[in-house]
Amino acid sequence: MHGRLDSQVSIGGLKVDLAEVEETIRELPGVTDAVVVHEAGIEAYVTVRAELTPEALTATLAARLAPYKRPRTLHLLAELPRTATGKPVRNPQVLQAAARSLAAQTLATRSVAAQSVAAQSVATKPVAAQSVAAQSVVGR
């Protein structure tokens, strides 16, 4: 074991160094930063380049970490919350709030996009119906 004592937790009777898990995640291709905390289980808050999907990240972690060391939950964030001195925040409640905020923004963006698509399809349907009606009149 290495790292600080406060980063060591017990999972099913086995010691896990959260700093080791965090470092393993940071070393993965496509990961730009990571913070690992323990609440109900191991949770990782990760920033990645756009080309890395959550599925690819999970698969890569499965190859590098023992099952009991793997995060139960991976949260992909645009950026990690930082302290006034620029260090990543390690408070689970602050990190969870950042993840919820991003999820709400994503949901709102999807909702606006869906409304925009629906408005476009509603706007185009009458035009299409008018052109079909015009063609059938001209064809007679």
N, C-alpha and C. Protein backbone atom coordinates (compact mmCIF):
# COMPACT_ATOMS: atom_id res chain seq x y z
N MET A 1 0.83 -1.19 0.00
CA MET A 1 0.00 0.00 0.00
C MET A 1 0.88 1.25 0.00
N HIS A 2 0.42 2.23 -0.72
CA HIS A 2 1.11 3.51 -0.70
C HIS A 2 0.05 4.60 -0.58
N GLY A 3 0.48 5.82 -0.42
CA GLY A 3 -0.48 6.92 -0.33
C GLY A 3 -0.80 7.27 1.12
N ARG A 4 -1.70 8.23 1.27
CA ARG A 4 -2.08 8.71 2.59
C ARG A 4 -3.02 7.73 3.27
N LEU A 5 -2.98 7.69 4.60
CA LEU A 5 -3.84 6.79 5.35
C LEU A 5 -5.31 7.09 5.13
N ASP A 6 -5.67 8.37 4.95
CA ASP A 6 -7.09 8.70 4.77
C ASP A 6 -7.60 8.30 3.39
N SER A 7 -6.71 7.82 2.53
CA SER A 7 -7.17 7.36 1.22
C SER A 7 -7.33 5.84 1.19
N GLN A 8 -7.12 5.19 2.33
CA GLN A 8 -7.27 3.74 2.39
C GLN A 8 -8.64 3.39 2.96
N VAL A 9 -9.35 2.53 2.25
CA VAL A 9 -10.67 2.08 2.69
C VAL A 9 -10.71 0.56 2.65
N SER A 10 -11.69 0.00 3.33
CA SER A 10 -11.86 -1.44 3.34
C SER A 10 -13.09 -1.80 2.52
N ILE A 11 -12.91 -2.65 1.53
CA ILE A 11 -14.00 -3.13 0.68
C ILE A 11 -14.07 -4.64 0.86
N GLY A 12 -15.12 -5.12 1.47
CA GLY A 12 -15.27 -6.55 1.69
C GLY A 12 -14.10 -7.16 2.46
N GLY A 13 -13.54 -6.38 3.39
CA GLY A 13 -12.41 -6.86 4.19
C GLY A 13 -11.06 -6.68 3.52
N LEU A 14 -11.04 -6.19 2.31
CA LEU A 14 -9.79 -5.97 1.58
C LEU A 14 -9.47 -4.48 1.56
N LYS A 15 -8.21 -4.14 1.79
CA LYS A 15 -7.79 -2.73 1.79
C LYS A 15 -7.63 -2.24 0.35
N VAL A 16 -8.18 -1.04 0.12
CA VAL A 16 -8.06 -0.40 -1.19
C VAL A 16 -7.49 1.00 -0.96
N ASP A 17 -6.44 1.32 -1.69
CA ASP A 17 -5.87 2.66 -1.63
C ASP A 17 -6.51 3.47 -2.76
N LEU A 18 -7.35 4.44 -2.38
CA LEU A 18 -8.05 5.24 -3.39
C LEU A 18 -7.08 6.02 -4.27
N ALA A 19 -5.92 6.41 -3.70
CA ALA A 19 -4.91 7.12 -4.50
C ALA A 19 -4.37 6.22 -5.61
N GLU A 20 -4.24 4.93 -5.33
CA GLU A 20 -3.78 3.98 -6.35
C GLU A 20 -4.83 3.85 -7.46
N VAL A 21 -6.10 3.76 -7.09
CA VAL A 21 -7.18 3.66 -8.08
C VAL A 21 -7.21 4.92 -8.93
N GLU A 22 -7.10 6.06 -8.25
CA GLU A 22 -7.10 7.35 -8.95
C GLU A 22 -5.95 7.45 -9.94
N GLU A 23 -4.76 7.05 -9.52
CA GLU A 23 -3.59 7.11 -10.40
C GLU A 23 -3.76 6.17 -11.59
N THR A 24 -4.32 4.99 -11.36
CA THR A 24 -4.57 4.04 -12.46
C THR A 24 -5.52 4.65 -13.48
N ILE A 25 -6.57 5.31 -13.00
CA ILE A 25 -7.53 5.95 -13.92
C ILE A 25 -6.86 7.09 -14.68
N ARG A 26 -6.07 7.90 -13.98
CA ARG A 26 -5.39 9.03 -14.65
C ARG A 26 -4.44 8.58 -15.76
N GLU A 27 -3.86 7.39 -15.60
CA GLU A 27 -2.90 6.88 -16.59
C GLU A 27 -3.57 6.31 -17.83
N LEU A 28 -4.89 6.15 -17.81
CA LEU A 28 -5.59 5.58 -18.95
C LEU A 28 -5.56 6.55 -20.13
N PRO A 29 -5.43 6.03 -21.35
CA PRO A 29 -5.45 6.90 -22.52
C PRO A 29 -6.80 7.61 -22.63
N GLY A 30 -6.76 8.91 -22.87
CA GLY A 30 -7.98 9.68 -23.03
C GLY A 30 -8.47 10.35 -21.75
N VAL A 31 -7.93 9.96 -20.60
CA VAL A 31 -8.33 10.57 -19.32
C VAL A 31 -7.45 11.80 -19.08
N THR A 32 -8.08 12.91 -18.73
CA THR A 32 -7.32 14.12 -18.45
C THR A 32 -7.15 14.37 -16.95
N ASP A 33 -8.11 13.93 -16.13
CA ASP A 33 -7.99 14.09 -14.68
C ASP A 33 -9.00 13.18 -14.00
N ALA A 34 -8.77 12.89 -12.72
CA ALA A 34 -9.68 12.01 -11.98
C ALA A 34 -9.58 12.27 -10.49
N VAL A 35 -10.70 12.06 -9.80
CA VAL A 35 -10.77 12.07 -8.35
C VAL A 35 -11.58 10.84 -7.96
N VAL A 36 -11.08 10.07 -6.99
CA VAL A 36 -11.77 8.87 -6.52
C VAL A 36 -12.10 9.06 -5.05
N VAL A 37 -13.36 8.82 -4.70
CA VAL A 37 -13.82 8.94 -3.31
C VAL A 37 -14.58 7.68 -2.93
N HIS A 38 -14.80 7.54 -1.62
CA HIS A 38 -15.56 6.39 -1.12
C HIS A 38 -16.73 6.92 -0.33
N GLU A 39 -17.94 6.66 -0.79
CA GLU A 39 -19.17 6.98 -0.07
C GLU A 39 -19.83 5.65 0.25
N ALA A 40 -20.84 5.26 -0.51
CA ALA A 40 -21.46 3.94 -0.36
C ALA A 40 -20.60 2.88 -1.03
N GLY A 41 -19.74 3.30 -1.90
CA GLY A 41 -18.81 2.45 -2.63
C GLY A 41 -17.78 3.36 -3.27
N ILE A 42 -16.89 2.80 -4.04
CA ILE A 42 -15.87 3.60 -4.72
C ILE A 42 -16.53 4.32 -5.89
N GLU A 43 -16.35 5.64 -5.94
CA GLU A 43 -16.88 6.46 -7.03
C GLU A 43 -15.74 7.24 -7.66
N ALA A 44 -15.73 7.31 -8.98
CA ALA A 44 -14.70 8.05 -9.70
C ALA A 44 -15.35 9.19 -10.48
N TYR A 45 -14.76 10.36 -10.36
CA TYR A 45 -15.18 11.54 -11.12
C TYR A 45 -14.03 11.82 -12.08
N VAL A 46 -14.34 11.76 -13.39
CA VAL A 46 -13.29 11.73 -14.40
C VAL A 46 -13.57 12.77 -15.48
N THR A 47 -12.50 13.42 -15.93
CA THR A 47 -12.60 14.27 -17.12
C THR A 47 -11.85 13.55 -18.23
N VAL A 48 -12.44 13.54 -19.41
CA VAL A 48 -11.87 12.79 -20.54
C VAL A 48 -11.89 13.65 -21.80
N ARG A 49 -11.08 13.22 -22.76
CA ARG A 49 -11.18 13.82 -24.09
C ARG A 49 -12.45 13.27 -24.73
N ALA A 50 -12.98 13.97 -25.69
CA ALA A 50 -14.28 13.65 -26.29
C ALA A 50 -14.36 12.23 -26.86
N GLU A 51 -13.26 11.68 -27.33
CA GLU A 51 -13.32 10.39 -28.00
C GLU A 51 -13.44 9.20 -27.05
N LEU A 52 -13.32 9.39 -25.75
CA LEU A 52 -13.39 8.29 -24.79
C LEU A 52 -14.82 8.15 -24.25
N THR A 53 -15.41 6.98 -24.46
CA THR A 53 -16.77 6.73 -23.99
C THR A 53 -16.73 6.08 -22.61
N PRO A 54 -17.82 6.18 -21.85
CA PRO A 54 -17.87 5.51 -20.55
C PRO A 54 -17.67 4.00 -20.67
N GLU A 55 -18.20 3.40 -21.73
CA GLU A 55 -18.06 1.96 -21.93
C GLU A 55 -16.60 1.58 -22.14
N ALA A 56 -15.88 2.37 -22.94
CA ALA A 56 -14.47 2.09 -23.20
C ALA A 56 -13.65 2.27 -21.92
N LEU A 57 -13.99 3.28 -21.14
CA LEU A 57 -13.29 3.53 -19.89
C LEU A 57 -13.50 2.37 -18.92
N THR A 58 -14.73 1.89 -18.82
CA THR A 58 -15.05 0.77 -17.94
C THR A 58 -14.32 -0.49 -18.38
N ALA A 59 -14.28 -0.76 -19.67
CA ALA A 59 -13.60 -1.94 -20.19
C ALA A 59 -12.10 -1.88 -19.92
N THR A 60 -11.50 -0.72 -20.09
CA THR A 60 -10.07 -0.57 -19.84
C THR A 60 -9.76 -0.74 -18.36
N LEU A 61 -10.61 -0.18 -17.51
CA LEU A 61 -10.41 -0.34 -16.07
C LEU A 61 -10.52 -1.81 -15.64
N ALA A 62 -11.43 -2.54 -16.27
CA ALA A 62 -11.61 -3.96 -15.95
C ALA A 62 -10.33 -4.74 -16.20
N ALA A 63 -9.56 -4.32 -17.18
CA ALA A 63 -8.31 -5.00 -17.50
C ALA A 63 -7.17 -4.61 -16.56
N ARG A 64 -7.30 -3.47 -15.87
CA ARG A 64 -6.18 -2.97 -15.06
C ARG A 64 -6.39 -3.04 -13.56
N LEU A 65 -7.63 -3.13 -13.11
CA LEU A 65 -7.91 -3.15 -11.67
C LEU A 65 -8.65 -4.41 -11.27
N ALA A 66 -8.34 -4.91 -10.09
CA ALA A 66 -9.08 -6.05 -9.54
C ALA A 66 -10.53 -5.63 -9.34
N PRO A 67 -11.46 -6.56 -9.44
CA PRO A 67 -12.88 -6.20 -9.33
C PRO A 67 -13.24 -5.41 -8.07
N TYR A 68 -12.65 -5.74 -6.93
CA TYR A 68 -13.00 -5.02 -5.70
C TYR A 68 -12.43 -3.61 -5.67
N LYS A 69 -11.47 -3.30 -6.54
CA LYS A 69 -10.88 -1.96 -6.60
C LYS A 69 -11.57 -1.05 -7.62
N ARG A 70 -12.38 -1.63 -8.48
CA ARG A 70 -13.02 -0.84 -9.54
C ARG A 70 -14.11 0.05 -8.97
N PRO A 71 -14.21 1.27 -9.50
CA PRO A 71 -15.30 2.15 -9.06
C PRO A 71 -16.66 1.55 -9.39
N ARG A 72 -17.58 1.64 -8.44
CA ARG A 72 -18.96 1.22 -8.70
C ARG A 72 -19.62 2.17 -9.67
N THR A 73 -19.25 3.44 -9.55
CA THR A 73 -19.86 4.48 -10.38
C THR A 73 -18.77 5.34 -10.99
N LEU A 74 -18.89 5.59 -12.29
CA LEU A 74 -18.02 6.52 -13.01
C LEU A 74 -18.85 7.73 -13.41
N HIS A 75 -18.39 8.90 -13.05
CA HIS A 75 -19.06 10.14 -13.43
C HIS A 75 -18.12 10.88 -14.39
N LEU A 76 -18.55 11.09 -15.62
CA LEU A 76 -17.75 11.87 -16.56
C LEU A 76 -18.18 13.31 -16.47
N LEU A 77 -17.23 14.19 -16.15
CA LEU A 77 -17.50 15.61 -15.99
C LEU A 77 -16.73 16.41 -17.02
N ALA A 78 -17.26 17.57 -17.36
CA ALA A 78 -16.55 18.47 -18.27
C ALA A 78 -15.28 18.98 -17.59
N GLU A 79 -15.39 19.26 -16.29
CA GLU A 79 -14.22 19.65 -15.50
C GLU A 79 -14.49 19.31 -14.04
N LEU A 80 -13.44 19.05 -13.31
CA LEU A 80 -13.57 18.73 -11.89
C LEU A 80 -13.70 20.02 -11.08
N PRO A 81 -14.52 20.01 -10.04
CA PRO A 81 -14.56 21.18 -9.15
C PRO A 81 -13.19 21.36 -8.50
N ARG A 82 -12.78 22.59 -8.32
CA ARG A 82 -11.46 22.89 -7.76
C ARG A 82 -11.59 23.80 -6.54
N THR A 83 -10.57 23.70 -5.67
CA THR A 83 -10.50 24.59 -4.51
C THR A 83 -9.97 25.94 -4.98
N ALA A 84 -9.91 26.89 -4.07
CA ALA A 84 -9.38 28.22 -4.41
C ALA A 84 -7.92 28.15 -4.83
N THR A 85 -7.20 27.13 -4.37
CA THR A 85 -5.79 26.98 -4.74
C THR A 85 -5.59 26.14 -6.00
N GLY A 86 -6.69 25.67 -6.61
CA GLY A 86 -6.60 24.94 -7.86
C GLY A 86 -6.53 23.43 -7.72
N LYS A 87 -6.59 22.93 -6.49
CA LYS A 87 -6.55 21.47 -6.28
C LYS A 87 -7.95 20.89 -6.49
N PRO A 88 -8.04 19.64 -6.97
CA PRO A 88 -9.36 19.03 -7.14
C PRO A 88 -10.07 18.86 -5.79
N VAL A 89 -11.35 19.14 -5.78
CA VAL A 89 -12.17 18.95 -4.58
C VAL A 89 -12.34 17.45 -4.35
N ARG A 90 -12.26 17.02 -3.10
CA ARG A 90 -12.41 15.61 -2.77
C ARG A 90 -13.65 15.35 -1.91
N ASN A 91 -14.44 16.37 -1.69
CA ASN A 91 -15.66 16.23 -0.90
C ASN A 91 -16.72 15.53 -1.74
N PRO A 92 -17.19 14.35 -1.31
CA PRO A 92 -18.17 13.59 -2.11
C PRO A 92 -19.45 14.37 -2.42
N GLN A 93 -19.93 15.17 -1.48
CA GLN A 93 -21.16 15.92 -1.71
C GLN A 93 -20.98 16.98 -2.80
N VAL A 94 -19.84 17.64 -2.82
CA VAL A 94 -19.56 18.65 -3.85
C VAL A 94 -19.42 17.98 -5.22
N LEU A 95 -18.73 16.84 -5.25
CA LEU A 95 -18.56 16.10 -6.51
C LEU A 95 -19.90 15.58 -7.03
N GLN A 96 -20.74 15.06 -6.12
CA GLN A 96 -22.07 14.58 -6.53
C GLN A 96 -22.92 15.72 -7.07
N ALA A 97 -22.82 16.89 -6.44
CA ALA A 97 -23.57 18.06 -6.93
C ALA A 97 -23.10 18.45 -8.33
N ALA A 98 -21.80 18.38 -8.58
CA ALA A 98 -21.26 18.70 -9.91
C ALA A 98 -21.78 17.71 -10.94
N ALA A 99 -21.83 16.42 -10.57
CA ALA A 99 -22.33 15.40 -11.49
C ALA A 99 -23.82 15.60 -11.77
N ARG A 100 -24.60 15.93 -10.72
CA ARG A 100 -26.04 16.18 -10.92
C ARG A 100 -26.26 17.41 -11.79
N SER A 101 -25.45 18.44 -11.58
CA SER A 101 -25.57 19.66 -12.37
C SER A 101 -25.30 19.38 -13.84
N LEU A 102 -24.26 18.59 -14.12
CA LEU A 102 -23.96 18.24 -15.50
C LEU A 102 -25.07 17.40 -16.11
N ALA A 103 -25.62 16.47 -15.32
CA ALA A 103 -26.72 15.63 -15.82
C ALA A 103 -27.93 16.49 -16.13
N ALA A 104 -28.21 17.47 -15.27
CA ALA A 104 -29.36 18.36 -15.51
C ALA A 104 -29.13 19.20 -16.76
N GLN A 105 -27.91 19.69 -16.95
CA GLN A 105 -27.60 20.48 -18.15
C GLN A 105 -27.73 19.62 -19.40
N THR A 106 -27.25 18.39 -19.34
CA THR A 106 -27.34 17.48 -20.48
C THR A 106 -28.78 17.18 -20.81
N LEU A 107 -29.59 16.92 -19.77
CA LEU A 107 -31.01 16.65 -19.97
C LEU A 107 -31.71 17.86 -20.57
N ALA A 108 -31.39 19.05 -20.09
CA ALA A 108 -32.00 20.26 -20.62
C ALA A 108 -31.60 20.47 -22.07
N THR A 109 -30.34 20.20 -22.40
CA THR A 109 -29.86 20.34 -23.77
C THR A 109 -30.59 19.36 -24.69
N ARG A 110 -30.74 18.12 -24.23
CA ARG A 110 -31.45 17.12 -25.02
C ARG A 110 -32.90 17.51 -25.20
N SER A 111 -33.52 18.05 -24.16
CA SER A 111 -34.92 18.46 -24.22
C SER A 111 -35.10 19.60 -25.22
N VAL A 112 -34.19 20.58 -25.18
CA VAL A 112 -34.26 21.70 -26.12
C VAL A 112 -34.05 21.20 -27.54
N ALA A 113 -33.09 20.28 -27.72
CA ALA A 113 -32.83 19.73 -29.05
C ALA A 113 -34.04 18.95 -29.55
N ALA A 114 -34.69 18.18 -28.68
CA ALA A 114 -35.88 17.41 -29.07
C ALA A 114 -37.02 18.36 -29.44
N GLN A 115 -37.19 19.43 -28.66
CA GLN A 115 -38.23 20.40 -28.98
C GLN A 115 -37.95 21.08 -30.31
N SER A 116 -36.67 21.36 -30.58
CA SER A 116 -36.29 21.99 -31.83
C SER A 116 -36.58 21.07 -33.01
N VAL A 117 -36.26 19.79 -32.87
CA VAL A 117 -36.52 18.81 -33.93
C VAL A 117 -38.03 18.68 -34.14
N ALA A 118 -38.79 18.63 -33.04
CA ALA A 118 -40.25 18.53 -33.15
C ALA A 118 -40.83 19.75 -33.84
N ALA A 119 -40.31 20.93 -33.51
CA ALA A 119 -40.80 22.16 -34.15
C ALA A 119 -40.46 22.16 -35.64
N GLN A 120 -39.28 21.66 -36.00
CA GLN A 120 -38.90 21.59 -37.40
C GLN A 120 -39.79 20.62 -38.15
N SER A 121 -40.10 19.46 -37.53
CA SER A 121 -40.92 18.48 -38.23
C SER A 121 -42.35 18.98 -38.37
N VAL A 122 -42.84 19.70 -37.36
CA VAL A 122 -44.19 20.28 -37.46
C VAL A 122 -44.21 21.34 -38.55
N ALA A 123 -43.15 22.13 -38.63
CA ALA A 123 -43.10 23.19 -39.63
C ALA A 123 -42.99 22.62 -41.04
N THR A 124 -42.34 21.49 -41.21
CA THR A 124 -42.16 20.95 -42.55
C THR A 124 -43.34 20.12 -43.03
N LYS A 125 -44.13 19.57 -42.12
CA LYS A 125 -45.26 18.73 -42.54
C LYS A 125 -46.30 19.50 -43.36
N PRO A 126 -46.75 20.67 -42.95
CA PRO A 126 -47.73 21.37 -43.77
C PRO A 126 -47.17 21.72 -45.15
N VAL A 127 -45.89 22.06 -45.23
CA VAL A 127 -45.29 22.39 -46.52
C VAL A 127 -45.33 21.16 -47.42
N ALA A 128 -44.97 20.01 -46.88
CA ALA A 128 -44.98 18.79 -47.67
C ALA A 128 -46.40 18.44 -48.12
N ALA A 129 -47.38 18.63 -47.24
CA ALA A 129 -48.76 18.33 -47.58
C ALA A 129 -49.26 19.28 -48.67
N GLN A 130 -48.87 20.54 -48.59
CA GLN A 130 -49.27 21.51 -49.60
C GLN A 130 -48.68 21.16 -50.96
N SER A 131 -47.42 20.73 -50.99
CA SER A 131 -46.81 20.42 -52.28
C SER A 131 -47.44 19.17 -52.90
N VAL A 132 -47.82 18.19 -52.07
CA VAL A 132 -48.49 17.01 -52.58
C VAL A 132 -49.86 17.41 -53.14
N ALA A 133 -50.59 18.24 -52.42
CA ALA A 133 -51.91 18.69 -52.88
C ALA A 133 -51.78 19.47 -54.19
N ALA A 134 -50.77 20.30 -54.30
CA ALA A 134 -50.56 21.07 -55.52
C ALA A 134 -50.24 20.15 -56.69
N GLN A 135 -49.46 19.12 -56.48
CA GLN A 135 -49.12 18.19 -57.54
C GLN A 135 -50.34 17.43 -58.02
N SER A 136 -51.19 17.02 -57.10
CA SER A 136 -52.37 16.24 -57.51
C SER A 136 -53.35 17.12 -58.29
N VAL A 137 -53.44 18.39 -57.98
CA VAL A 137 -54.31 19.29 -58.72
C VAL A 137 -53.75 19.52 -60.11
N VAL A 138 -52.44 19.70 -60.22
CA VAL A 138 -51.81 19.96 -61.50
C VAL A 138 -51.91 18.72 -62.37
N GLY A 139 -51.82 17.53 -61.79
CA GLY A 139 -51.86 16.30 -62.55
C GLY A 139 -53.21 16.00 -63.15
N ARG A 140 -54.30 16.65 -62.72
CA ARG A 140 -55.65 16.34 -63.22
C ARG A 140 -55.91 16.99 -64.49
